[in-house]
Amino acid sequence: MKNSELRIGNFLASKNISDAVRVGTINSNETIKLDFGICKNIFSDTMNLSAFEPIPITEEWLLNFGFRNQNFGWDLGEFGIFDCNYKKGNLNLQINATEIPFIQIKYVHQLQNLYFSLTGFELALVAQAEA
């Protein structure tokens, strides 16, 4: 994973912290600062990106982002995910009734970035995620 793949607000797994963390600042030298909400000043040191891992997309994460499990796949308003194959990272997407054939994404930060690119809105948590 490179810092060029990340956006502020992306969720990552830390190798040192048990919960998922959010990217607060992205630096050009493969370091980031974390955003811990009101506690972010506690962990304000710049950290090397190698201390983090991408988080695989799971049903739990989709639910935490507000997706609803439908008979045909996952639905979040006009944004739908169909034919999920989590392990291979194949997702068939639909937005505003337009199908986007299989896109290879495996990680939460990739889904966040794709959702923002297609809708112009951030993919926000509706429930506290447990990484």
C-alpha atoms as a PDB file:
ATOM      1  CA  MET A   1       0.000   0.000   0.000  1.00  0.00           C
ATOM      2  CA  LYS A   2       1.308   3.438  -0.930  1.00  0.00           C
ATOM      3  CA  ASN A   3       0.274   6.830   0.365  1.00  0.00           C
ATOM      4  CA  SER A   4      -0.858   7.719  -3.178  1.00  0.00           C
ATOM      5  CA  GLU A   5      -3.680   5.165  -2.737  1.00  0.00           C
ATOM      6  CA  LEU A   6      -5.028   6.959   0.335  1.00  0.00           C
ATOM      7  CA  ARG A   7      -7.327   9.874   1.031  1.00  0.00           C
ATOM      8  CA  ILE A   8      -7.915  11.690   4.293  1.00  0.00           C
ATOM      9  CA  GLY A   9     -10.587   9.769   6.185  1.00  0.00           C
ATOM     10  CA  ASN A  10      -9.636   6.335   4.847  1.00  0.00           C
ATOM     11  CA  PHE A  11      -9.741   3.516   7.385  1.00  0.00           C
ATOM     12  CA  LEU A  12      -6.664   1.341   7.933  1.00  0.00           C
ATOM     13  CA  ALA A  13      -5.673  -1.406  10.336  1.00  0.00           C
ATOM     14  CA  SER A  14      -2.767  -0.594  12.607  1.00  0.00           C
ATOM     15  CA  LYS A  15      -0.255  -3.229  13.529  1.00  0.00           C
ATOM     16  CA  ASN A  16      -0.029  -1.628  17.020  1.00  0.00           C
ATOM     17  CA  ILE A  17      -3.583  -0.504  17.794  1.00  0.00           C
ATOM     18  CA  SER A  18      -6.446  -2.997  17.954  1.00  0.00           C
ATOM     19  CA  ASP A  19      -9.121  -0.733  16.438  1.00  0.00           C
ATOM     20  CA  ALA A  20      -9.339   0.604  12.903  1.00  0.00           C
ATOM     21  CA  VAL A  21      -7.787   4.043  12.499  1.00  0.00           C
ATOM     22  CA  ARG A  22      -8.539   6.933  10.150  1.00  0.00           C
ATOM     23  CA  VAL A  23      -6.003   8.770   8.034  1.00  0.00           C
ATOM     24  CA  GLY A  24      -5.758  12.420   9.126  1.00  0.00           C
ATOM     25  CA  THR A  25      -2.822  13.706   7.069  1.00  0.00           C
ATOM     26  CA  ILE A  26      -0.921  12.156   4.171  1.00  0.00           C
ATOM     27  CA  ASN A  27       2.707  13.141   3.723  1.00  0.00           C
ATOM     28  CA  SER A  28       4.850  12.730   0.618  1.00  0.00           C
ATOM     29  CA  ASN A  29       7.478  10.628   2.404  1.00  0.00           C
ATOM     30  CA  GLU A  30       5.289   7.536   3.012  1.00  0.00           C
ATOM     31  CA  THR A  31       4.199   8.758   6.430  1.00  0.00           C
ATOM     32  CA  ILE A  32       0.756   9.652   7.735  1.00  0.00           C
ATOM     33  CA  LYS A  33      -0.830  11.195  10.797  1.00  0.00           C
ATOM     34  CA  LEU A  34      -3.924   9.592  12.228  1.00  0.00           C
ATOM     35  CA  ASP A  35      -7.274  11.170  12.957  1.00  0.00           C
ATOM     36  CA  PHE A  36      -8.630   9.935  16.272  1.00  0.00           C
ATOM     37  CA  GLY A  37     -11.464  12.462  16.395  1.00  0.00           C
ATOM     38  CA  ILE A  38     -11.423  14.403  19.660  1.00  0.00           C
ATOM     39  CA  CYS A  39      -8.442  12.359  20.878  1.00  0.00           C
ATOM     40  CA  LYS A  40      -6.270  12.940  17.793  1.00  0.00           C
ATOM     41  CA  ASN A  41      -3.780  15.113  19.667  1.00  0.00           C
ATOM     42  CA  ILE A  42      -2.843  12.128  21.826  1.00  0.00           C
ATOM     43  CA  PHE A  43      -1.404  10.344  18.769  1.00  0.00           C
ATOM     44  CA  SER A  44      -0.175  13.286  16.725  1.00  0.00           C
ATOM     45  CA  ASP A  45       3.241  11.888  15.861  1.00  0.00           C
ATOM     46  CA  THR A  46       3.848  11.139  12.227  1.00  0.00           C
ATOM     47  CA  MET A  47       3.846   7.396  11.620  1.00  0.00           C
ATOM     48  CA  ASN A  48       5.368   5.364   8.820  1.00  0.00           C
ATOM     49  CA  LEU A  49       2.831   3.851   6.465  1.00  0.00           C
ATOM     50  CA  SER A  50       4.467   0.446   6.950  1.00  0.00           C
ATOM     51  CA  ALA A  51       2.890   0.367  10.444  1.00  0.00           C
ATOM     52  CA  PHE A  52      -0.541  -0.051   8.800  1.00  0.00           C
ATOM     53  CA  GLU A  53      -2.358  -2.601   6.690  1.00  0.00           C
ATOM     54  CA  PRO A  54      -5.362  -2.286   4.420  1.00  0.00           C
ATOM     55  CA  ILE A  55      -8.616  -3.637   5.853  1.00  0.00           C
ATOM     56  CA  PRO A  56     -10.329  -6.343   3.764  1.00  0.00           C
ATOM     57  CA  ILE A  57     -13.938  -5.615   2.798  1.00  0.00           C
ATOM     58  CA  THR A  58     -16.309  -7.769   4.830  1.00  0.00           C
ATOM     59  CA  GLU A  59     -20.053  -7.902   5.396  1.00  0.00           C
ATOM     60  CA  GLU A  60     -19.462  -6.228   8.761  1.00  0.00           C
ATOM     61  CA  TRP A  61     -17.788  -3.235   7.111  1.00  0.00           C
ATOM     62  CA  LEU A  62     -20.559  -2.938   4.519  1.00  0.00           C
ATOM     63  CA  LEU A  63     -23.143  -2.912   7.323  1.00  0.00           C
ATOM     64  CA  ASN A  64     -21.108  -0.321   9.242  1.00  0.00           C
ATOM     65  CA  PHE A  65     -21.158   1.935   6.174  1.00  0.00           C
ATOM     66  CA  GLY A  66     -24.947   1.613   5.996  1.00  0.00           C
ATOM     67  CA  PHE A  67     -25.282  -0.864   3.148  1.00  0.00           C
ATOM     68  CA  ARG A  68     -28.383  -3.048   3.309  1.00  0.00           C
ATOM     69  CA  ASN A  69     -28.147  -6.719   2.437  1.00  0.00           C
ATOM     70  CA  GLN A  70     -30.678  -7.326  -0.340  1.00  0.00           C
ATOM     71  CA  ASN A  71     -31.499 -10.519  -2.232  1.00  0.00           C
ATOM     72  CA  PHE A  72     -29.452  -9.266  -5.176  1.00  0.00           C
ATOM     73  CA  GLY A  73     -26.454  -7.918  -3.225  1.00  0.00           C
ATOM     74  CA  TRP A  74     -25.750  -4.815  -1.161  1.00  0.00           C
ATOM     75  CA  ASP A  75     -27.575  -1.517  -1.498  1.00  0.00           C
ATOM     76  CA  LEU A  76     -26.758   2.010  -0.311  1.00  0.00           C
ATOM     77  CA  GLY A  77     -29.271   4.314  -1.947  1.00  0.00           C
ATOM     78  CA  GLU A  78     -28.523   4.365  -5.654  1.00  0.00           C
ATOM     79  CA  PHE A  79     -25.148   2.686  -5.148  1.00  0.00           C
ATOM     80  CA  GLY A  80     -25.318  -1.104  -5.308  1.00  0.00           C
ATOM     81  CA  ILE A  81     -22.809  -3.930  -5.043  1.00  0.00           C
ATOM     82  CA  PHE A  82     -23.638  -7.225  -6.717  1.00  0.00           C
ATOM     83  CA  ASP A  83     -21.878 -10.533  -7.190  1.00  0.00           C
ATOM     84  CA  CYS A  84     -19.515  -9.987  -4.270  1.00  0.00           C
ATOM     85  CA  ASN A  85     -16.490 -12.215  -4.107  1.00  0.00           C
ATOM     86  CA  TYR A  86     -14.631 -10.804  -1.106  1.00  0.00           C
ATOM     87  CA  LYS A  87     -11.651 -13.114  -1.286  1.00  0.00           C
ATOM     88  CA  LYS A  88     -10.872 -12.330  -4.927  1.00  0.00           C
ATOM     89  CA  GLY A  89     -11.874  -8.700  -4.585  1.00  0.00           C
ATOM     90  CA  ASN A  90     -14.362  -8.818  -7.445  1.00  0.00           C
ATOM     91  CA  LEU A  91     -17.332  -6.501  -7.050  1.00  0.00           C
ATOM     92  CA  ASN A  92     -19.966  -5.783  -9.658  1.00  0.00           C
ATOM     93  CA  LEU A  93     -21.255  -2.249  -9.024  1.00  0.00           C
ATOM     94  CA  GLN A  94     -24.308  -0.280 -10.056  1.00  0.00           C
ATOM     95  CA  ILE A  95     -24.889   3.435  -9.619  1.00  0.00           C
ATOM     96  CA  ASN A  96     -28.028   5.263 -10.718  1.00  0.00           C
ATOM     97  CA  ALA A  97     -29.141   2.077 -12.532  1.00  0.00           C
ATOM     98  CA  THR A  98     -25.917   1.991 -14.592  1.00  0.00           C
ATOM     99  CA  GLU A  99     -23.947  -1.207 -14.186  1.00  0.00           C
ATOM    100  CA  ILE A 100     -20.183  -1.024 -13.812  1.00  0.00           C
ATOM    101  CA  PRO A 101     -18.832  -4.523 -14.513  1.00  0.00           C
ATOM    102  CA  PHE A 102     -16.458  -6.212 -12.159  1.00  0.00           C
ATOM    103  CA  ILE A 103     -14.083  -3.852 -10.456  1.00  0.00           C
ATOM    104  CA  GLN A 104     -11.172  -5.313  -8.511  1.00  0.00           C
ATOM    105  CA  ILE A 105     -11.227  -3.904  -5.015  1.00  0.00           C
ATOM    106  CA  LYS A 106     -10.454  -5.841  -1.872  1.00  0.00           C
ATOM    107  CA  TYR A 107     -10.007  -3.203   0.787  1.00  0.00           C
ATOM    108  CA  VAL A 108     -12.120  -0.717   2.708  1.00  0.00           C
ATOM    109  CA  HIS A 109     -10.019   2.287   1.665  1.00  0.00           C
ATOM    110  CA  GLN A 110     -10.488   1.322  -1.997  1.00  0.00           C
ATOM    111  CA  LEU A 111     -14.263   1.140  -1.523  1.00  0.00           C
ATOM    112  CA  GLN A 112     -14.220   4.531   0.227  1.00  0.00           C
ATOM    113  CA  ASN A 113     -12.235   6.071  -2.631  1.00  0.00           C
ATOM    114  CA  LEU A 114     -14.386   4.488  -5.347  1.00  0.00           C
ATOM    115  CA  TYR A 115     -17.610   5.552  -3.651  1.00  0.00           C
ATOM    116  CA  PHE A 116     -16.342   9.133  -3.406  1.00  0.00           C
ATOM    117  CA  SER A 117     -15.175   9.138  -7.029  1.00  0.00           C
ATOM    118  CA  LEU A 118     -18.538   7.896  -8.308  1.00  0.00           C
ATOM    119  CA  THR A 119     -20.898   9.818  -6.033  1.00  0.00           C
ATOM    120  CA  GLY A 120     -18.971  12.874  -4.803  1.00  0.00           C
ATOM    121  CA  PHE A 121     -19.868  11.935  -1.222  1.00  0.00           C
ATOM    122  CA  GLU A 122     -17.814  10.366   1.559  1.00  0.00           C
ATOM    123  CA  LEU A 123     -18.704   6.838   2.633  1.00  0.00           C
ATOM    124  CA  ALA A 124     -19.469   7.450   6.309  1.00  0.00           C
ATOM    125  CA  LEU A 125     -19.817   5.030   9.176  1.00  0.00           C
ATOM    126  CA  VAL A 126     -23.290   4.597  10.565  1.00  0.00           C
ATOM    127  CA  ALA A 127     -22.048   2.193  13.238  1.00  0.00           C
ATOM    128  CA  GLN A 128     -18.693   1.811  14.974  1.00  0.00           C
ATOM    129  CA  ALA A 129     -16.541  -0.559  12.903  1.00  0.00           C
ATOM    130  CA  GLU A 130     -14.510  -3.246  14.547  1.00  0.00           C
ATOM    131  CA  ALA A 131     -11.483  -4.104  12.465  1.00  0.00           C
END
